[in-house]
Amino acid sequence: MNPATSAPAYGLWSLVVINSAVFIIFLYSFAKPRSPRDWRSFGAISAFLVALFTEMYGYPLTIYLLSGWLQSRYPNVNWFSHDAGHLLEMLFGWKANPHFGPFHLLSFVFIGGGFILLSNAWRVLYAAQKNHALATTGPYARIRHPQYVGFVLIMLGFLVQWPTILTLAMFPVLVFMYAHLARREEQEVGREFGEAYARYRARTPAFIPHLAIPRASP
């Protein structure tokens, strides 16, 4: 049976609230925002998650807007079933359950990697802040802003799993916002740690790590 032939599964606003709350609380336990800047970055990804789950379980705006084109190209798919919301699996003709399709599995890699990166980065950052030191170990030995990269990986994973027009529009805006927050953060940390941060910044990329494993600083 085609995985997208089940009955429509939207208007489930209780699931919108429950899933949004669960993921936001789970994310909070990893990100642990403290400063106003932390709360802004956390609030942005929280809004992304609410928009995502609203379309996933509440009102499928993307499906409605694209329904004419989708129905003409794929007439045998019930586009108002829940499984059909996995657009990439449907568009690329994955015939099995979309929850086990390649895009869904890839999304788990991005989402899981993002949460792991956030968790590891927070432990290093918390210890550094407690000792009034510069965070340069763990994920911070590879990139200067692992927490922001973690947020982007999580958003990217959800986009691969359940793409919507709204979240696709939000994604570049939020990436730009995180890049702006990172620049402001670097200015503040640079003023606090001076030459030590200048040396760290010179050898450590901001967001994309070098392929080679960095040597420990003397």
Protein backbone atom coordinates (compact mmCIF):
# COMPACT_ATOMS: atom_id res chain seq x y z
CA MET A 1 0.00 0.00 0.00
CA ASN A 2 1.24 3.52 -0.77
CA PRO A 3 2.45 5.13 2.50
CA ALA A 4 0.55 8.29 1.70
CA THR A 5 -2.94 6.77 1.31
CA SER A 6 -3.98 6.98 4.98
CA ALA A 7 -6.67 9.39 6.19
CA PRO A 8 -5.82 13.07 6.74
CA ALA A 9 -4.00 13.66 10.00
CA TYR A 10 -4.11 17.41 10.67
CA GLY A 11 -5.95 19.67 13.08
CA LEU A 12 -4.26 17.84 15.97
CA TRP A 13 -3.44 20.96 17.95
CA SER A 14 -2.78 19.05 21.17
CA LEU A 15 0.10 17.30 19.35
CA VAL A 16 1.37 20.68 18.16
CA VAL A 17 1.54 21.89 21.77
CA ILE A 18 2.95 18.65 23.18
CA ASN A 19 5.65 18.19 20.53
CA SER A 20 6.66 21.85 20.63
CA ALA A 21 6.90 21.78 24.42
CA VAL A 22 8.83 18.49 24.53
CA PHE A 23 11.41 19.55 21.96
CA ILE A 24 11.82 23.06 23.37
CA ILE A 25 12.31 21.72 26.92
CA PHE A 26 14.69 19.06 25.58
CA LEU A 27 16.60 21.72 23.69
CA TYR A 28 16.69 23.93 26.78
CA SER A 29 18.33 21.11 28.73
CA PHE A 30 21.15 21.08 26.16
CA ALA A 31 21.51 24.79 25.41
CA LYS A 32 20.92 26.17 28.95
CA PRO A 33 20.51 29.85 27.93
CA ARG A 34 21.70 32.37 30.50
CA SER A 35 22.51 35.70 28.89
CA PRO A 36 20.07 37.84 26.85
CA ARG A 37 21.99 36.77 23.73
CA ASP A 38 21.54 33.11 24.67
CA TRP A 39 17.82 33.65 25.11
CA ARG A 40 17.54 35.35 21.71
CA SER A 41 19.23 32.44 19.96
CA PHE A 42 17.14 29.94 21.93
CA GLY A 43 13.94 31.86 21.22
CA ALA A 44 14.66 31.87 17.49
CA ILE A 45 15.01 28.11 17.21
CA SER A 46 11.98 27.66 19.49
CA ALA A 47 9.91 29.73 17.01
CA PHE A 48 11.24 27.53 14.20
CA LEU A 49 10.09 24.40 16.05
CA VAL A 50 6.62 25.82 16.74
CA ALA A 51 6.22 26.71 13.05
CA LEU A 52 7.38 23.23 12.08
CA PHE A 53 5.02 21.32 14.36
CA THR A 54 2.12 23.60 13.46
CA GLU A 55 2.40 22.40 9.86
CA MET A 56 3.26 18.84 10.85
CA TYR A 57 0.15 18.31 13.00
CA GLY A 58 -2.00 21.44 12.86
CA TYR A 59 -2.50 23.18 9.54
CA PRO A 60 -0.52 21.96 6.48
CA LEU A 61 -0.06 25.36 4.84
CA THR A 62 2.66 24.14 2.47
CA ILE A 63 0.54 21.23 1.26
CA TYR A 64 -2.44 23.53 0.67
CA LEU A 65 -0.36 26.03 -1.29
CA LEU A 66 1.28 23.34 -3.42
CA SER A 67 -1.70 20.97 -3.61
CA GLY A 68 -2.58 21.80 -7.24
CA TRP A 69 0.93 21.17 -8.51
CA LEU A 70 1.45 18.12 -6.30
CA GLN A 71 -1.84 16.50 -7.27
CA SER A 72 -1.17 17.04 -10.98
CA ARG A 73 2.31 15.53 -10.77
CA TYR A 74 1.52 12.74 -8.28
CA PRO A 75 -2.21 11.92 -8.67
CA ASN A 76 -2.00 8.65 -6.73
CA VAL A 77 -0.81 10.25 -3.51
CA ASN A 78 -3.17 11.47 -0.80
CA TRP A 79 -1.35 14.70 -0.05
CA PHE A 80 -3.42 15.40 3.05
CA SER A 81 -2.24 12.30 4.87
CA HIS A 82 0.42 12.66 7.52
CA ASP A 83 3.04 10.55 5.72
CA ALA A 84 2.80 12.74 2.62
CA GLY A 85 4.15 15.65 4.65
CA HIS A 86 7.56 14.01 4.24
CA LEU A 87 7.79 15.81 0.93
CA LEU A 88 11.29 14.76 -0.04
CA GLU A 89 10.49 11.09 0.45
CA MET A 90 7.36 11.49 -1.68
CA LEU A 91 8.93 13.60 -4.42
CA PHE A 92 11.86 11.22 -4.84
CA GLY A 93 9.55 8.21 -5.03
CA TRP A 94 10.55 6.40 -1.84
CA LYS A 95 8.01 3.58 -1.76
CA ALA A 96 8.44 2.27 1.78
CA ASN A 97 7.34 3.89 5.03
CA PRO A 98 8.77 7.45 4.84
CA HIS A 99 9.83 7.24 8.48
CA PHE A 100 12.48 4.76 7.34
CA GLY A 101 13.38 6.55 4.13
CA PRO A 102 16.87 7.96 3.43
CA PHE A 103 15.91 11.60 4.02
CA HIS A 104 14.25 10.81 7.34
CA LEU A 105 17.27 8.83 8.50
CA LEU A 106 19.58 11.62 7.33
CA SER A 107 17.54 14.09 9.35
CA PHE A 108 18.24 12.04 12.49
CA VAL A 109 21.97 12.37 11.81
CA PHE A 110 21.72 16.17 11.62
CA ILE A 111 19.36 16.51 14.60
CA GLY A 112 21.27 14.06 16.79
CA GLY A 113 24.60 15.62 15.82
CA GLY A 114 23.24 19.06 16.70
CA PHE A 115 22.09 17.98 20.15
CA ILE A 116 25.38 16.17 20.85
CA LEU A 117 27.36 19.23 19.76
CA LEU A 118 25.25 21.49 21.98
CA SER A 119 25.70 19.19 24.97
CA ASN A 120 29.48 18.89 24.58
CA ALA A 121 29.90 22.61 23.92
CA TRP A 122 27.85 23.58 26.96
CA ARG A 123 29.97 21.48 29.32
CA VAL A 124 33.17 23.12 28.06
CA LEU A 125 31.69 26.62 28.08
CA TYR A 126 30.22 26.24 31.56
CA ALA A 127 33.56 25.07 32.99
CA ALA A 128 35.38 27.93 31.24
CA GLN A 129 32.93 30.57 32.48
CA LYS A 130 33.13 29.17 36.00
CA ASN A 131 36.91 29.59 35.94
CA HIS A 132 36.80 32.93 34.06
CA ALA A 133 38.78 31.29 31.26
CA LEU A 134 38.54 31.08 27.48
CA ALA A 135 36.77 27.97 26.12
CA THR A 136 39.26 26.31 23.75
CA THR A 137 38.82 22.57 24.33
CA GLY A 138 36.31 19.98 23.16
CA PRO A 139 34.20 21.32 20.27
CA TYR A 140 35.79 24.75 20.83
CA ALA A 141 39.10 23.29 19.70
CA ARG A 142 37.60 22.74 16.24
CA ILE A 143 35.25 25.72 15.79
CA ARG A 144 34.65 28.96 17.67
CA HIS A 145 30.84 28.76 17.77
CA PRO A 146 29.76 25.13 18.25
CA GLN A 147 26.48 26.08 19.93
CA TYR A 148 25.28 28.10 16.96
CA VAL A 149 26.39 25.34 14.60
CA GLY A 150 24.41 22.90 16.76
CA PHE A 151 21.27 25.02 16.36
CA VAL A 152 21.75 25.16 12.59
CA LEU A 153 22.25 21.39 12.36
CA ILE A 154 19.02 20.78 14.27
CA MET A 155 17.07 23.14 12.00
CA LEU A 156 18.63 21.59 8.91
CA GLY A 157 17.66 18.12 10.12
CA PHE A 158 14.03 19.12 10.55
CA LEU A 159 14.03 20.77 7.12
CA VAL A 160 15.23 17.53 5.54
CA GLN A 161 12.62 15.56 7.47
CA TRP A 162 9.62 17.85 6.99
CA PRO A 163 10.24 20.82 4.66
CA THR A 164 7.71 23.66 4.74
CA ILE A 165 7.57 27.02 3.02
CA LEU A 166 7.61 28.88 6.34
CA THR A 167 10.57 27.04 7.87
CA LEU A 168 12.47 27.24 4.58
CA ALA A 169 11.96 31.01 4.68
CA MET A 170 12.95 31.19 8.35
CA PHE A 171 16.12 29.12 7.97
CA PRO A 172 18.37 31.65 6.14
CA VAL A 173 17.07 34.46 8.38
CA LEU A 174 17.99 32.51 11.51
CA VAL A 175 21.38 31.51 10.10
CA PHE A 176 22.08 35.19 9.42
CA MET A 177 20.94 36.05 12.94
CA TYR A 178 23.26 33.44 14.49
CA ALA A 179 26.18 34.74 12.40
CA HIS A 180 25.43 38.27 13.63
CA LEU A 181 25.23 37.09 17.25
CA ALA A 182 28.52 35.25 16.78
CA ARG A 183 30.24 38.45 15.59
CA ARG A 184 28.91 40.40 18.57
CA GLU A 185 30.01 37.60 20.90
CA GLU A 186 33.52 37.66 19.44
CA GLN A 187 33.81 41.39 20.01
CA GLU A 188 32.87 40.96 23.67
CA VAL A 189 35.16 37.98 24.22
CA GLY A 190 37.98 39.75 22.37
CA ARG A 191 37.73 42.72 24.73
CA GLU A 192 37.78 40.38 27.74
CA PHE A 193 40.63 38.06 26.72
CA GLY A 194 42.63 40.25 24.36
CA GLU A 195 45.67 38.62 22.78
CA ALA A 196 44.74 35.13 23.99
CA TYR A 197 41.51 35.30 22.04
CA ALA A 198 43.25 36.80 19.01
CA ARG A 199 45.58 33.77 18.88
CA TYR A 200 42.67 31.37 19.36
CA ARG A 201 40.67 33.10 16.63
CA ALA A 202 43.62 32.99 14.22
CA ARG A 203 43.98 29.21 14.48
CA THR A 204 40.31 28.16 14.89
CA PRO A 205 37.63 28.57 12.19
CA ALA A 206 34.30 30.11 13.16
CA PHE A 207 31.78 27.53 11.94
CA ILE A 208 33.30 24.92 9.62
CA PRO A 209 36.17 22.89 11.12
CA HIS A 210 39.41 22.17 9.34
CA LEU A 211 39.78 18.58 8.19
CA ALA A 212 43.05 18.16 10.04
CA ILE A 213 42.90 17.64 13.81
CA PRO A 214 44.29 20.78 15.50
CA ARG A 215 47.39 20.54 17.62
CA ALA A 216 47.13 21.39 21.27
CA SER A 217 48.28 24.92 22.00
CA PRO A 218 51.49 25.19 24.02
